[in-house]
Amino acid sequence: MDPVSRDLDRETGHPWPEREATADLQTQMGDMQIAGGEDMLLDDYDVIDEKQDVAEITPEGSTDEPTEPLADDYAAMKERVLAKLPDLEPEFETTYTWHIENYRSLTRKERGPKFECGGHPWRILLFPFGNNVEYASLYLEQAHEDEDKPKEGWYACVQFSLVMWNKTDPSIYSCHTANHRFNAEESDWGFTRFSELRKMFAAQWDGAGRPMVEHDAVNVTAYVRIYKDPTGVLWHSFE
């Protein structure tokens, strides 16, 4: 059974109050047909863990600042969205991009291909039409299978950023960053309200002249950095 968790307000870091959806997604998106539109409740994966110290990073235009990097300039984007944490020593890091096609035909829950960091498998977990919200929901997940479980007591202290971007125009992107201590009990972490669906499919993303999901395709890049844990309690929830 997947873990049950909280959904957080990215501005305050506090849990969102429970509330009913305020609009019909199908009406908001006009004639757009979304797979699985009516039955959006999940059988066994309703809510995924999110850590409280979550930050959203959005580009800010200013003539006094350097030009914003493009999402396909991975080295520059890593510096932009995954600044190294002071007083902590990185141990492993990697960057991986999932190229998503036929977005409207995806199922309610999709997992991207596995990639490796720190000797362990990871993958991106996507709820393309929302994890019980009218937002695309994105998470980082440790990808050990039942037959390949890590040794007892395994954990990884991970700083990560997930970036969704237009595959044709990499200047159009949205990203969120978090820190989490992954273990067998808390095997995934991320953002239930990553990006509003209505905004993702609108004709223009923030006046950029094209949508985020264009030609039914979008990219998601995971920037993953694992830190050493000399104290043994880094980002421990003690729950």
Protein backbone atom coordinates (compact mmCIF):
# COMPACT_ATOMS: atom_id res chain seq x y z
CA MET A 1 0.00 0.00 0.00
CA ASP A 2 1.38 3.44 -0.90
CA PRO A 3 1.93 5.89 1.97
CA VAL A 4 -0.70 8.38 3.05
CA SER A 5 0.42 11.94 3.44
CA ARG A 6 -0.30 15.60 3.55
CA ASP A 7 -0.73 18.17 0.78
CA LEU A 8 1.02 21.46 1.45
CA ASP A 9 0.57 25.10 0.65
CA ARG A 10 3.73 26.06 -1.26
CA GLU A 11 3.61 29.64 0.12
CA THR A 12 3.29 28.85 3.82
CA GLY A 13 4.58 25.30 4.15
CA HIS A 14 1.43 24.39 6.12
CA PRO A 15 -1.15 21.76 5.19
CA TRP A 16 -3.92 22.87 2.87
CA PRO A 17 -7.38 22.80 4.40
CA GLU A 18 -9.64 20.13 3.02
CA ARG A 19 -11.95 21.53 0.41
CA GLU A 20 -14.13 20.51 -2.46
CA ALA A 21 -13.13 21.26 -6.02
CA THR A 22 -14.64 24.58 -7.08
CA ALA A 23 -14.98 23.97 -10.75
CA ASP A 24 -15.68 21.24 -13.23
CA LEU A 25 -12.42 20.50 -15.04
CA GLN A 26 -14.20 19.31 -18.17
CA THR A 27 -16.17 22.58 -18.40
CA GLN A 28 -13.05 24.69 -17.76
CA MET A 29 -11.14 22.97 -20.55
CA GLY A 30 -13.92 23.37 -23.13
CA ASP A 31 -14.18 20.61 -25.66
CA MET A 32 -10.85 19.06 -24.63
CA GLN A 33 -11.30 15.38 -23.85
CA ILE A 34 -9.22 14.06 -20.98
CA ALA A 35 -8.80 10.33 -20.41
CA GLY A 36 -10.45 9.14 -17.22
CA GLY A 37 -12.16 12.49 -16.77
CA GLU A 38 -15.15 11.34 -14.78
CA ASP A 39 -13.63 8.83 -12.41
CA MET A 40 -10.74 10.71 -10.84
CA LEU A 41 -10.73 8.92 -7.48
CA LEU A 42 -7.87 6.51 -7.04
CA ASP A 43 -8.28 3.01 -5.71
CA ASP A 44 -5.10 2.58 -3.73
CA TYR A 45 -2.96 5.66 -4.22
CA ASP A 46 -4.92 8.63 -3.08
CA VAL A 47 -2.33 10.95 -1.58
CA ILE A 48 1.48 10.99 -1.70
CA ASP A 49 3.83 12.37 0.91
CA GLU A 50 5.03 15.93 0.65
CA LYS A 51 7.66 17.56 2.82
CA GLN A 52 6.94 20.86 4.50
CA ASP A 53 10.00 22.80 3.37
CA VAL A 54 8.92 22.92 -0.27
CA ALA A 55 9.89 25.85 -2.46
CA GLU A 56 8.45 26.87 -5.81
CA ILE A 57 10.87 28.53 -8.18
CA THR A 58 9.43 30.75 -10.89
CA PRO A 59 11.38 32.87 -13.36
CA GLU A 60 11.50 36.59 -12.55
CA GLY A 61 12.25 39.00 -15.35
CA SER A 62 14.67 41.79 -14.47
CA THR A 63 17.23 43.75 -16.47
CA ASP A 64 19.54 43.59 -13.44
CA GLU A 65 19.59 39.79 -13.41
CA PRO A 66 21.19 37.29 -15.79
CA THR A 67 19.03 35.81 -18.51
CA GLU A 68 16.95 32.89 -17.28
CA PRO A 69 18.33 29.52 -18.42
CA LEU A 70 16.41 27.33 -20.82
CA ALA A 71 15.02 24.06 -19.52
CA ASP A 72 17.17 22.04 -21.93
CA ASP A 73 20.36 23.69 -20.62
CA TYR A 74 20.65 21.15 -17.84
CA ALA A 75 23.83 22.47 -16.23
CA ALA A 76 22.48 26.02 -16.01
CA MET A 77 19.06 24.84 -14.83
CA LYS A 78 20.62 22.74 -12.09
CA GLU A 79 22.37 25.83 -10.78
CA ARG A 80 19.08 27.72 -10.99
CA VAL A 81 16.77 25.22 -9.29
CA LEU A 82 19.05 23.08 -7.12
CA ALA A 83 21.45 25.36 -5.26
CA LYS A 84 23.79 23.39 -2.99
CA LEU A 85 22.82 23.49 0.67
CA PRO A 86 25.35 25.05 3.07
CA ASP A 87 27.12 22.87 5.64
CA LEU A 88 26.10 19.68 3.79
CA GLU A 89 28.29 17.52 1.58
CA PRO A 90 26.82 16.15 -1.66
CA GLU A 91 27.54 12.48 -2.31
CA PHE A 92 25.78 11.69 -5.61
CA GLU A 93 23.74 13.61 -8.15
CA THR A 94 22.10 13.04 -11.51
CA THR A 95 19.73 14.59 -14.04
CA TYR A 96 17.08 12.68 -15.93
CA THR A 97 14.40 13.78 -18.44
CA TRP A 98 11.18 11.90 -19.13
CA HIS A 99 9.79 12.73 -22.58
CA ILE A 100 6.02 12.32 -22.29
CA GLU A 101 3.91 11.80 -25.41
CA ASN A 102 0.13 11.41 -25.90
CA TYR A 103 -0.58 13.22 -22.64
CA ARG A 104 -4.37 13.09 -22.98
CA SER A 105 -4.23 9.31 -23.40
CA LEU A 106 -2.29 8.67 -20.19
CA THR A 107 -3.85 6.69 -17.36
CA ARG A 108 -4.62 8.23 -13.97
CA LYS A 109 -1.20 7.28 -12.59
CA GLU A 110 1.96 6.92 -14.66
CA ARG A 111 5.54 6.07 -13.74
CA GLY A 112 8.46 7.13 -15.89
CA PRO A 113 11.47 4.97 -16.80
CA LYS A 114 13.90 4.13 -14.02
CA PHE A 115 17.18 5.99 -13.65
CA GLU A 116 20.05 5.53 -11.19
CA CYS A 117 21.51 7.79 -8.53
CA GLY A 118 23.69 6.69 -5.62
CA GLY A 119 23.47 3.06 -6.66
CA HIS A 120 19.68 2.97 -6.30
CA PRO A 121 16.81 3.19 -8.83
CA TRP A 122 14.52 6.23 -9.00
CA ARG A 123 11.69 7.38 -11.24
CA ILE A 124 9.20 10.19 -11.72
CA LEU A 125 5.62 9.51 -10.62
CA LEU A 126 2.93 11.47 -12.47
CA PHE A 127 -0.80 11.86 -11.95
CA PRO A 128 -1.44 13.58 -15.31
CA PHE A 129 -4.98 14.69 -14.41
CA GLY A 130 -4.41 15.24 -10.71
CA ASN A 131 -4.14 13.28 -7.47
CA ASN A 132 -7.69 14.20 -6.39
CA VAL A 133 -7.03 17.84 -7.35
CA GLU A 134 -7.34 19.80 -10.58
CA TYR A 135 -3.58 20.05 -10.92
CA ALA A 136 -1.03 17.74 -12.49
CA SER A 137 0.68 15.97 -9.56
CA LEU A 138 4.39 15.09 -9.73
CA TYR A 139 6.62 13.17 -7.33
CA LEU A 140 10.05 11.60 -7.09
CA GLU A 141 9.86 7.93 -6.14
CA GLN A 142 12.49 5.36 -5.14
CA ALA A 143 11.96 2.55 -7.62
CA HIS A 144 13.01 -0.60 -5.78
CA GLU A 145 10.75 -3.52 -6.65
CA ASP A 146 9.65 -6.23 -4.20
CA GLU A 147 12.30 -8.61 -5.51
CA ASP A 148 14.98 -5.93 -5.31
CA LYS A 149 14.33 -4.26 -1.98
CA PRO A 150 17.19 -2.31 -0.38
CA LYS A 151 18.73 -3.63 2.79
CA GLU A 152 16.87 -3.00 6.03
CA GLY A 153 17.38 0.50 7.37
CA TRP A 154 18.13 2.00 3.94
CA TYR A 155 17.53 5.71 3.49
CA ALA A 156 18.69 8.55 1.27
CA CYS A 157 18.75 12.27 2.08
CA VAL A 158 17.70 13.81 -1.21
CA GLN A 159 17.40 17.35 -2.48
CA PHE A 160 15.48 17.32 -5.74
CA SER A 161 13.74 19.52 -8.26
CA LEU A 162 11.13 18.55 -10.83
CA VAL A 163 10.85 20.73 -13.93
CA MET A 164 7.97 20.47 -16.41
CA TRP A 165 8.75 22.16 -19.73
CA ASN A 166 7.54 22.66 -23.27
CA LYS A 167 9.51 20.33 -25.55
CA THR A 168 9.45 22.85 -28.42
CA ASP A 169 10.14 26.00 -26.42
CA PRO A 170 12.32 25.29 -23.34
CA SER A 171 11.85 28.85 -22.10
CA ILE A 172 8.39 27.71 -20.95
CA TYR A 173 8.71 25.73 -17.73
CA SER A 174 7.49 25.31 -14.17
CA CYS A 175 9.53 23.85 -11.34
CA HIS A 176 9.36 22.92 -7.66
CA THR A 177 12.10 21.89 -5.24
CA ALA A 178 12.09 19.92 -1.99
CA ASN A 179 14.28 17.97 0.46
CA HIS A 180 13.27 14.57 1.79
CA ARG A 181 14.66 11.59 3.67
CA PHE A 182 13.54 8.65 1.50
CA ASN A 183 13.16 5.25 3.13
CA ALA A 184 10.99 2.15 2.84
CA GLU A 185 8.05 3.85 4.58
CA GLU A 186 8.36 7.21 2.80
CA SER A 187 9.34 6.08 -0.66
CA ASP A 188 7.94 9.03 -2.63
CA TRP A 189 7.76 12.78 -2.14
CA GLY A 190 6.68 15.71 -4.24
CA PHE A 191 3.93 18.06 -5.25
CA THR A 192 0.24 17.26 -5.44
CA ARG A 193 -0.50 20.74 -6.82
CA PHE A 194 2.39 20.96 -9.24
CA SER A 195 0.65 22.77 -12.08
CA GLU A 196 -2.97 23.73 -12.67
CA LEU A 197 -4.45 21.67 -15.49
CA ARG A 198 -6.45 24.51 -16.96
CA LYS A 199 -3.31 26.62 -17.17
CA MET A 200 -1.21 23.79 -18.65
CA PHE A 201 -3.62 23.36 -21.58
CA ALA A 202 -4.46 27.03 -22.10
CA ALA A 203 -3.53 28.58 -25.47
CA GLN A 204 -0.74 30.53 -23.79
CA TRP A 205 1.42 29.81 -20.74
CA ASP A 206 1.96 33.11 -18.91
CA GLY A 207 1.67 35.04 -22.18
CA ALA A 208 4.41 33.01 -23.87
CA GLY A 209 2.35 32.44 -27.01
CA ARG A 210 2.04 28.67 -26.64
CA PRO A 211 0.81 26.16 -24.04
CA MET A 212 2.86 24.10 -21.62
CA VAL A 213 1.49 20.84 -23.08
CA GLU A 214 1.84 21.31 -26.83
CA HIS A 215 1.02 18.72 -29.51
CA ASP A 216 -0.03 16.50 -26.60
CA ALA A 217 3.55 16.29 -25.33
CA VAL A 218 5.64 17.69 -22.48
CA ASN A 219 8.98 16.96 -20.80
CA VAL A 220 9.69 16.49 -17.09
CA THR A 221 13.26 16.69 -15.80
CA ALA A 222 14.33 15.44 -12.38
CA TYR A 223 17.41 16.96 -10.75
CA VAL A 224 18.47 14.70 -7.91
CA ARG A 225 21.22 15.27 -5.34
CA ILE A 226 21.93 12.88 -2.45
CA TYR A 227 23.70 14.30 0.61
CA LYS A 228 25.87 12.61 3.18
CA ASP A 229 24.27 12.30 6.62
CA PRO A 230 27.03 12.47 9.25
CA THR A 231 24.56 12.88 12.13
CA GLY A 232 22.25 10.08 11.02
CA VAL A 233 19.14 12.23 11.49
CA LEU A 234 19.20 14.65 8.53
CA TRP A 235 15.59 15.51 7.58
CA HIS A 236 14.32 12.76 9.90
CA SER A 237 10.61 13.13 10.68
CA PHE A 238 10.82 11.15 13.98
CA GLU A 239 7.28 9.95 13.40
